[in-house]
Amino acid sequence: MHVPERVIRPHTQASASKHIASAPLPTRHGVFTTHVFASAAHISPVHGNAPAPREEEHVALVFGDVAGKSNVLVRVHSECMTSEVFGSLKCDCKEQLESAMAEIARRGAGVVLYLRQEGRGIGLGNKIRAYDLQSRGHDTVDANRVLGLPDDARAYGVARDMLDWLGVKSVRLMTNNPEKVLNPFSARYLETKRLRMAHELPRDATEMLPRAANGDAE
């Protein structure tokens, strides 16, 4: 089923972020410095009344010295509880995060910006509602639209604020990883993002579609 297009990204107000805490964080990839930032998120809905502002806490994981540096390796990563905590096979978010941390540590310096915008910004509850629709045949884009939600509600003003606070002059962005993790549950999701959301993904995802089992995700 194809649902007519509404709003791909809702209008978002400018981010106003503040740094609230820092501490070293030992990981399997090495010791990162964890910086926590708070920002008020004001997201305009697709229909009707504007929601009340809510404060989210985002994280900058910093490896090495990045202050005053140019061409700093940066991964902008959106929260995905189902993959990163529960090990869901419906997307490759956990693998993307681990890969980014490993590569930054290997190169000696870089930043992972971990943004609290679950389900492309629609929240965990709506993400699970979308999963239910996907299990009944909708793809990841149409499931959001059936729920009256934008295709992608993420905003990146806080990422700019964090990089400014860290003193990063310019970045080399880690994105559109060609080594996407393909499995029978993620193939249809990745192919939908390639075809309908202009993501640069491996075209061989289509080879797994006959074996995919309700393979849409956030």
C-alpha atoms as a PDB file:
ATOM      1  CA  MET A   1       0.000   0.000   0.000  1.00  0.00           C
ATOM      2  CA  HIS A   2       1.248   3.484  -0.859  1.00  0.00           C
ATOM      3  CA  VAL A   3       0.025   6.437   1.198  1.00  0.00           C
ATOM      4  CA  PRO A   4       0.165   9.916  -0.402  1.00  0.00           C
ATOM      5  CA  GLU A   5       3.068  12.087   0.691  1.00  0.00           C
ATOM      6  CA  ARG A   6       2.449  14.628   3.436  1.00  0.00           C
ATOM      7  CA  VAL A   7       5.392  16.093   5.300  1.00  0.00           C
ATOM      8  CA  ILE A   8       8.785  14.437   5.104  1.00  0.00           C
ATOM      9  CA  ARG A   9      10.366  16.591   7.812  1.00  0.00           C
ATOM     10  CA  PRO A  10       8.265  18.829  10.098  1.00  0.00           C
ATOM     11  CA  HIS A  11       9.254  22.408  10.761  1.00  0.00           C
ATOM     12  CA  THR A  12      11.571  22.632  13.754  1.00  0.00           C
ATOM     13  CA  GLN A  13      12.550  25.618  15.818  1.00  0.00           C
ATOM     14  CA  ALA A  14      16.162  26.516  16.473  1.00  0.00           C
ATOM     15  CA  SER A  15      17.881  24.407  19.088  1.00  0.00           C
ATOM     16  CA  ALA A  16      18.937  25.961  22.393  1.00  0.00           C
ATOM     17  CA  SER A  17      21.371  23.528  23.982  1.00  0.00           C
ATOM     18  CA  LYS A  18      23.440  23.658  27.149  1.00  0.00           C
ATOM     19  CA  HIS A  19      26.298  21.496  28.404  1.00  0.00           C
ATOM     20  CA  ILE A  20      25.456  19.857  31.727  1.00  0.00           C
ATOM     21  CA  ALA A  21      28.073  17.172  32.509  1.00  0.00           C
ATOM     22  CA  SER A  22      31.325  15.491  31.417  1.00  0.00           C
ATOM     23  CA  ALA A  23      33.254  12.390  32.455  1.00  0.00           C
ATOM     24  CA  PRO A  24      35.640   9.805  30.980  1.00  0.00           C
ATOM     25  CA  LEU A  25      33.957   6.640  29.720  1.00  0.00           C
ATOM     26  CA  PRO A  26      36.033   3.465  29.242  1.00  0.00           C
ATOM     27  CA  THR A  27      34.675   1.349  26.367  1.00  0.00           C
ATOM     28  CA  ARG A  28      35.828  -1.725  24.456  1.00  0.00           C
ATOM     29  CA  HIS A  29      37.179   0.698  21.854  1.00  0.00           C
ATOM     30  CA  GLY A  30      39.123   2.858  24.304  1.00  0.00           C
ATOM     31  CA  VAL A  31      38.434   5.724  26.691  1.00  0.00           C
ATOM     32  CA  PHE A  32      36.061   8.367  25.328  1.00  0.00           C
ATOM     33  CA  THR A  33      35.077  11.577  27.107  1.00  0.00           C
ATOM     34  CA  THR A  34      31.317  11.770  27.549  1.00  0.00           C
ATOM     35  CA  HIS A  35      29.715  15.205  27.322  1.00  0.00           C
ATOM     36  CA  VAL A  36      25.987  15.504  28.050  1.00  0.00           C
ATOM     37  CA  PHE A  37      23.918  18.317  26.612  1.00  0.00           C
ATOM     38  CA  ALA A  38      20.305  19.273  27.296  1.00  0.00           C
ATOM     39  CA  SER A  39      18.082  20.817  24.652  1.00  0.00           C
ATOM     40  CA  ALA A  40      14.445  21.726  24.380  1.00  0.00           C
ATOM     41  CA  ALA A  41      12.794  20.033  21.402  1.00  0.00           C
ATOM     42  CA  HIS A  42       9.866  21.876  19.797  1.00  0.00           C
ATOM     43  CA  ILE A  43       8.482  19.716  17.014  1.00  0.00           C
ATOM     44  CA  SER A  44       5.537  20.888  14.962  1.00  0.00           C
ATOM     45  CA  PRO A  45       3.078  18.051  14.290  1.00  0.00           C
ATOM     46  CA  VAL A  46       1.727  17.036  10.912  1.00  0.00           C
ATOM     47  CA  HIS A  47      -1.831  17.749  12.072  1.00  0.00           C
ATOM     48  CA  GLY A  48      -3.376  19.954  14.725  1.00  0.00           C
ATOM     49  CA  ASN A  49      -2.004  21.281  17.963  1.00  0.00           C
ATOM     50  CA  ALA A  50       1.654  21.920  18.721  1.00  0.00           C
ATOM     51  CA  PRO A  51       2.981  19.662  21.502  1.00  0.00           C
ATOM     52  CA  ALA A  52       4.487  21.034  24.686  1.00  0.00           C
ATOM     53  CA  PRO A  53       8.269  21.512  24.636  1.00  0.00           C
ATOM     54  CA  ARG A  54      10.250  18.642  26.095  1.00  0.00           C
ATOM     55  CA  GLU A  55      13.862  18.530  27.214  1.00  0.00           C
ATOM     56  CA  GLU A  56      16.102  15.827  25.825  1.00  0.00           C
ATOM     57  CA  GLU A  57      19.614  14.872  26.899  1.00  0.00           C
ATOM     58  CA  HIS A  58      22.082  14.176  24.089  1.00  0.00           C
ATOM     59  CA  VAL A  59      25.645  12.864  24.238  1.00  0.00           C
ATOM     60  CA  ALA A  60      28.900  13.764  22.527  1.00  0.00           C
ATOM     61  CA  LEU A  61      31.425  10.920  22.797  1.00  0.00           C
ATOM     62  CA  VAL A  62      34.848  12.437  22.148  1.00  0.00           C
ATOM     63  CA  PHE A  63      38.031  10.504  21.473  1.00  0.00           C
ATOM     64  CA  GLY A  64      41.334  12.331  21.428  1.00  0.00           C
ATOM     65  CA  ASP A  65      41.873  16.062  20.984  1.00  0.00           C
ATOM     66  CA  VAL A  66      39.323  17.741  18.705  1.00  0.00           C
ATOM     67  CA  ALA A  67      39.240  21.328  20.025  1.00  0.00           C
ATOM     68  CA  GLY A  68      40.257  23.804  17.356  1.00  0.00           C
ATOM     69  CA  LYS A  69      40.727  21.030  14.800  1.00  0.00           C
ATOM     70  CA  SER A  70      39.466  20.836  11.217  1.00  0.00           C
ATOM     71  CA  ASN A  71      38.219  17.789   9.299  1.00  0.00           C
ATOM     72  CA  VAL A  72      37.321  15.991  12.523  1.00  0.00           C
ATOM     73  CA  LEU A  73      35.767  12.557  11.991  1.00  0.00           C
ATOM     74  CA  VAL A  74      32.152  12.770  13.208  1.00  0.00           C
ATOM     75  CA  ARG A  75      29.278  10.296  13.350  1.00  0.00           C
ATOM     76  CA  VAL A  76      25.803  11.790  13.934  1.00  0.00           C
ATOM     77  CA  HIS A  77      23.808   8.898  15.361  1.00  0.00           C
ATOM     78  CA  SER A  78      20.141   8.795  16.368  1.00  0.00           C
ATOM     79  CA  GLU A  79      19.023   6.702  19.321  1.00  0.00           C
ATOM     80  CA  CYS A  80      17.626   3.243  18.559  1.00  0.00           C
ATOM     81  CA  MET A  81      16.674   1.325  21.697  1.00  0.00           C
ATOM     82  CA  THR A  82      15.313  -1.697  19.844  1.00  0.00           C
ATOM     83  CA  SER A  83      18.634  -2.335  18.103  1.00  0.00           C
ATOM     84  CA  GLU A  84      21.206  -0.982  20.569  1.00  0.00           C
ATOM     85  CA  VAL A  85      19.623  -2.413  23.745  1.00  0.00           C
ATOM     86  CA  PHE A  86      17.503  -5.352  22.630  1.00  0.00           C
ATOM     87  CA  GLY A  87      19.482  -6.506  19.590  1.00  0.00           C
ATOM     88  CA  SER A  88      16.671  -6.182  17.040  1.00  0.00           C
ATOM     89  CA  LEU A  89      17.503  -7.493  13.587  1.00  0.00           C
ATOM     90  CA  LYS A  90      15.110  -5.057  11.886  1.00  0.00           C
ATOM     91  CA  CYS A  91      17.831  -2.408  11.432  1.00  0.00           C
ATOM     92  CA  ASP A  92      21.607  -2.027  11.707  1.00  0.00           C
ATOM     93  CA  CYS A  93      21.777   0.917  14.140  1.00  0.00           C
ATOM     94  CA  LYS A  94      23.814  -0.931  16.786  1.00  0.00           C
ATOM     95  CA  GLU A  95      26.369  -2.058  14.219  1.00  0.00           C
ATOM     96  CA  GLN A  96      26.618   1.475  12.811  1.00  0.00           C
ATOM     97  CA  LEU A  97      27.309   2.897  16.279  1.00  0.00           C
ATOM     98  CA  GLU A  98      29.908   0.259  17.140  1.00  0.00           C
ATOM     99  CA  SER A  99      31.601   0.679  13.762  1.00  0.00           C
ATOM    100  CA  ALA A 100      31.817   4.441  14.188  1.00  0.00           C
ATOM    101  CA  MET A 101      33.318   4.214  17.676  1.00  0.00           C
ATOM    102  CA  ALA A 102      35.867   1.631  16.526  1.00  0.00           C
ATOM    103  CA  GLU A 103      36.924   3.691  13.498  1.00  0.00           C
ATOM    104  CA  ILE A 104      37.235   6.920  15.503  1.00  0.00           C
ATOM    105  CA  ALA A 105      39.380   5.151  18.103  1.00  0.00           C
ATOM    106  CA  ARG A 106      41.497   3.581  15.374  1.00  0.00           C
ATOM    107  CA  ARG A 107      42.186   6.978  13.838  1.00  0.00           C
ATOM    108  CA  GLY A 108      42.994   8.544  17.188  1.00  0.00           C
ATOM    109  CA  ALA A 109      40.422  11.350  17.278  1.00  0.00           C
ATOM    110  CA  GLY A 110      36.779  12.013  16.504  1.00  0.00           C
ATOM    111  CA  VAL A 111      33.288  12.512  17.855  1.00  0.00           C
ATOM    112  CA  VAL A 112      30.100  10.468  18.041  1.00  0.00           C
ATOM    113  CA  LEU A 113      27.062  12.718  18.477  1.00  0.00           C
ATOM    114  CA  TYR A 114      24.353  10.522  20.007  1.00  0.00           C
ATOM    115  CA  LEU A 115      21.000  12.253  19.536  1.00  0.00           C
ATOM    116  CA  ARG A 116      17.940  11.203  21.505  1.00  0.00           C
ATOM    117  CA  GLN A 117      15.461  10.975  18.640  1.00  0.00           C
ATOM    118  CA  GLU A 118      14.133   7.440  18.693  1.00  0.00           C
ATOM    119  CA  GLY A 119      12.361   6.153  15.624  1.00  0.00           C
ATOM    120  CA  ARG A 120      13.545   8.985  13.330  1.00  0.00           C
ATOM    121  CA  GLY A 121      12.194  11.409  15.914  1.00  0.00           C
ATOM    122  CA  ILE A 122       8.673  10.024  16.465  1.00  0.00           C
ATOM    123  CA  GLY A 123       9.426   8.374  19.826  1.00  0.00           C
ATOM    124  CA  LEU A 124       9.456   4.776  21.027  1.00  0.00           C
ATOM    125  CA  GLY A 125       5.679   4.352  21.372  1.00  0.00           C
ATOM    126  CA  ASN A 126       4.998   5.568  17.842  1.00  0.00           C
ATOM    127  CA  LYS A 127       7.896   3.513  16.542  1.00  0.00           C
ATOM    128  CA  ILE A 128       6.336   0.339  17.959  1.00  0.00           C
ATOM    129  CA  ARG A 129       2.951   1.351  16.490  1.00  0.00           C
ATOM    130  CA  ALA A 130       4.727   1.704  13.146  1.00  0.00           C
ATOM    131  CA  TYR A 131       6.295  -1.744  13.629  1.00  0.00           C
ATOM    132  CA  ASP A 132       2.812  -3.180  14.058  1.00  0.00           C
ATOM    133  CA  LEU A 133       1.712  -1.610  10.777  1.00  0.00           C
ATOM    134  CA  GLN A 134       4.854  -2.902   9.094  1.00  0.00           C
ATOM    135  CA  SER A 135       4.027  -6.424  10.263  1.00  0.00           C
ATOM    136  CA  ARG A 136       0.774  -6.036   8.310  1.00  0.00           C
ATOM    137  CA  GLY A 137       2.410  -5.024   5.042  1.00  0.00           C
ATOM    138  CA  HIS A 138       3.215  -1.299   5.195  1.00  0.00           C
ATOM    139  CA  ASP A 139       6.760  -0.153   4.580  1.00  0.00           C
ATOM    140  CA  THR A 140       8.592   2.160   6.997  1.00  0.00           C
ATOM    141  CA  VAL A 141       7.502   5.351   5.178  1.00  0.00           C
ATOM    142  CA  ASP A 142       3.808   4.508   4.778  1.00  0.00           C
ATOM    143  CA  ALA A 143       3.538   3.231   8.359  1.00  0.00           C
ATOM    144  CA  ASN A 144       4.498   6.700   9.619  1.00  0.00           C
ATOM    145  CA  ARG A 145       2.020   8.355   7.280  1.00  0.00           C
ATOM    146  CA  VAL A 146      -0.843   6.088   8.316  1.00  0.00           C
ATOM    147  CA  LEU A 147      -0.173   7.247  11.888  1.00  0.00           C
ATOM    148  CA  GLY A 148      -0.244  10.888  10.760  1.00  0.00           C
ATOM    149  CA  LEU A 149       3.476  11.281  11.406  1.00  0.00           C
ATOM    150  CA  PRO A 150       6.265  12.723   9.244  1.00  0.00           C
ATOM    151  CA  ASP A 151       8.590  10.404   7.379  1.00  0.00           C
ATOM    152  CA  ASP A 152      11.500  11.821   9.358  1.00  0.00           C
ATOM    153  CA  ALA A 153      11.047  14.087  12.396  1.00  0.00           C
ATOM    154  CA  ARG A 154      14.705  14.361  13.340  1.00  0.00           C
ATOM    155  CA  ALA A 155      16.409  17.741  13.837  1.00  0.00           C
ATOM    156  CA  TYR A 156      20.103  18.498  13.995  1.00  0.00           C
ATOM    157  CA  GLY A 157      20.415  21.904  15.635  1.00  0.00           C
ATOM    158  CA  VAL A 158      21.732  20.278  18.805  1.00  0.00           C
ATOM    159  CA  ALA A 159      24.497  18.583  16.792  1.00  0.00           C
ATOM    160  CA  ARG A 160      25.665  22.007  15.625  1.00  0.00           C
ATOM    161  CA  ASP A 161      25.547  23.301  19.206  1.00  0.00           C
ATOM    162  CA  MET A 162      27.600  20.383  20.514  1.00  0.00           C
ATOM    163  CA  LEU A 163      30.271  20.774  17.837  1.00  0.00           C
ATOM    164  CA  ASP A 164      30.451  24.509  18.551  1.00  0.00           C
ATOM    165  CA  TRP A 165      30.901  23.838  22.274  1.00  0.00           C
ATOM    166  CA  LEU A 166      33.638  21.292  21.535  1.00  0.00           C
ATOM    167  CA  GLY A 167      35.442  23.820  19.357  1.00  0.00           C
ATOM    168  CA  VAL A 168      35.377  21.694  16.211  1.00  0.00           C
ATOM    169  CA  LYS A 169      36.085  23.859  13.170  1.00  0.00           C
ATOM    170  CA  SER A 170      34.977  21.441  10.443  1.00  0.00           C
ATOM    171  CA  VAL A 171      33.993  17.797  10.135  1.00  0.00           C
ATOM    172  CA  ARG A 172      34.355  14.713   7.969  1.00  0.00           C
ATOM    173  CA  LEU A 173      30.936  13.138   8.335  1.00  0.00           C
ATOM    174  CA  MET A 174      30.591   9.377   8.730  1.00  0.00           C
ATOM    175  CA  THR A 175      27.310   8.460   7.054  1.00  0.00           C
ATOM    176  CA  ASN A 176      25.740   6.225   4.394  1.00  0.00           C
ATOM    177  CA  ASN A 177      28.009   3.362   5.405  1.00  0.00           C
ATOM    178  CA  PRO A 178      28.297   0.983   2.420  1.00  0.00           C
ATOM    179  CA  GLU A 179      28.705  -1.962   4.797  1.00  0.00           C
ATOM    180  CA  LYS A 180      25.065  -1.971   5.857  1.00  0.00           C
ATOM    181  CA  VAL A 181      24.081  -5.131   7.719  1.00  0.00           C
ATOM    182  CA  LEU A 182      21.711  -7.145   5.565  1.00  0.00           C
ATOM    183  CA  ASN A 183      19.583  -9.935   6.953  1.00  0.00           C
ATOM    184  CA  PRO A 184      16.090 -11.295   6.167  1.00  0.00           C
ATOM    185  CA  PHE A 185      14.563  -8.800   8.620  1.00  0.00           C
ATOM    186  CA  SER A 186      16.394  -5.635   7.522  1.00  0.00           C
ATOM    187  CA  ALA A 187      16.544  -6.017   3.729  1.00  0.00           C
ATOM    188  CA  ARG A 188      13.114  -4.543   2.949  1.00  0.00           C
ATOM    189  CA  TYR A 189      13.655  -1.676   5.399  1.00  0.00           C
ATOM    190  CA  LEU A 190      16.995  -0.737   3.841  1.00  0.00           C
ATOM    191  CA  GLU A 191      15.598  -1.001   0.327  1.00  0.00           C
ATOM    192  CA  THR A 192      12.681   1.285   1.261  1.00  0.00           C
ATOM    193  CA  LYS A 193      15.120   3.883   2.625  1.00  0.00           C
ATOM    194  CA  ARG A 194      17.125   3.695  -0.610  1.00  0.00           C
ATOM    195  CA  LEU A 195      14.115   3.988  -2.918  1.00  0.00           C
ATOM    196  CA  ARG A 196      11.872   6.382  -0.993  1.00  0.00           C
ATOM    197  CA  MET A 197      14.153   8.423   1.279  1.00  0.00           C
ATOM    198  CA  ALA A 198      17.194   8.916  -1.004  1.00  0.00           C
ATOM    199  CA  HIS A 199      19.589   7.035   1.269  1.00  0.00           C
ATOM    200  CA  GLU A 200      22.768   5.749  -0.343  1.00  0.00           C
ATOM    201  CA  LEU A 201      22.539   2.040   0.393  1.00  0.00           C
ATOM    202  CA  PRO A 202      23.809  -1.115  -1.303  1.00  0.00           C
ATOM    203  CA  ARG A 203      21.533  -2.144  -4.141  1.00  0.00           C
ATOM    204  CA  ASP A 204      22.053  -5.827  -3.374  1.00  0.00           C
ATOM    205  CA  ALA A 205      19.488  -5.466  -0.590  1.00  0.00           C
ATOM    206  CA  THR A 206      16.923  -6.288  -3.266  1.00  0.00           C
ATOM    207  CA  GLU A 207      18.412  -9.775  -3.592  1.00  0.00           C
ATOM    208  CA  MET A 208      17.196 -10.599  -0.090  1.00  0.00           C
ATOM    209  CA  LEU A 209      13.630  -9.366  -0.564  1.00  0.00           C
ATOM    210  CA  PRO A 210      12.126 -12.770  -1.475  1.00  0.00           C
ATOM    211  CA  ARG A 211      13.425 -14.110   1.858  1.00  0.00           C
ATOM    212  CA  ALA A 212      12.590 -11.049   3.947  1.00  0.00           C
ATOM    213  CA  ALA A 213      10.069 -11.498   6.754  1.00  0.00           C
ATOM    214  CA  ASN A 214       8.275  -8.216   7.546  1.00  0.00           C
ATOM    215  CA  GLY A 215      11.606  -6.487   7.319  1.00  0.00           C
ATOM    216  CA  ASP A 216      10.803  -2.840   8.046  1.00  0.00           C
ATOM    217  CA  ALA A 217      12.141  -0.892  10.957  1.00  0.00           C
ATOM    218  CA  GLU A 218      12.181   2.557  12.492  1.00  0.00           C
END
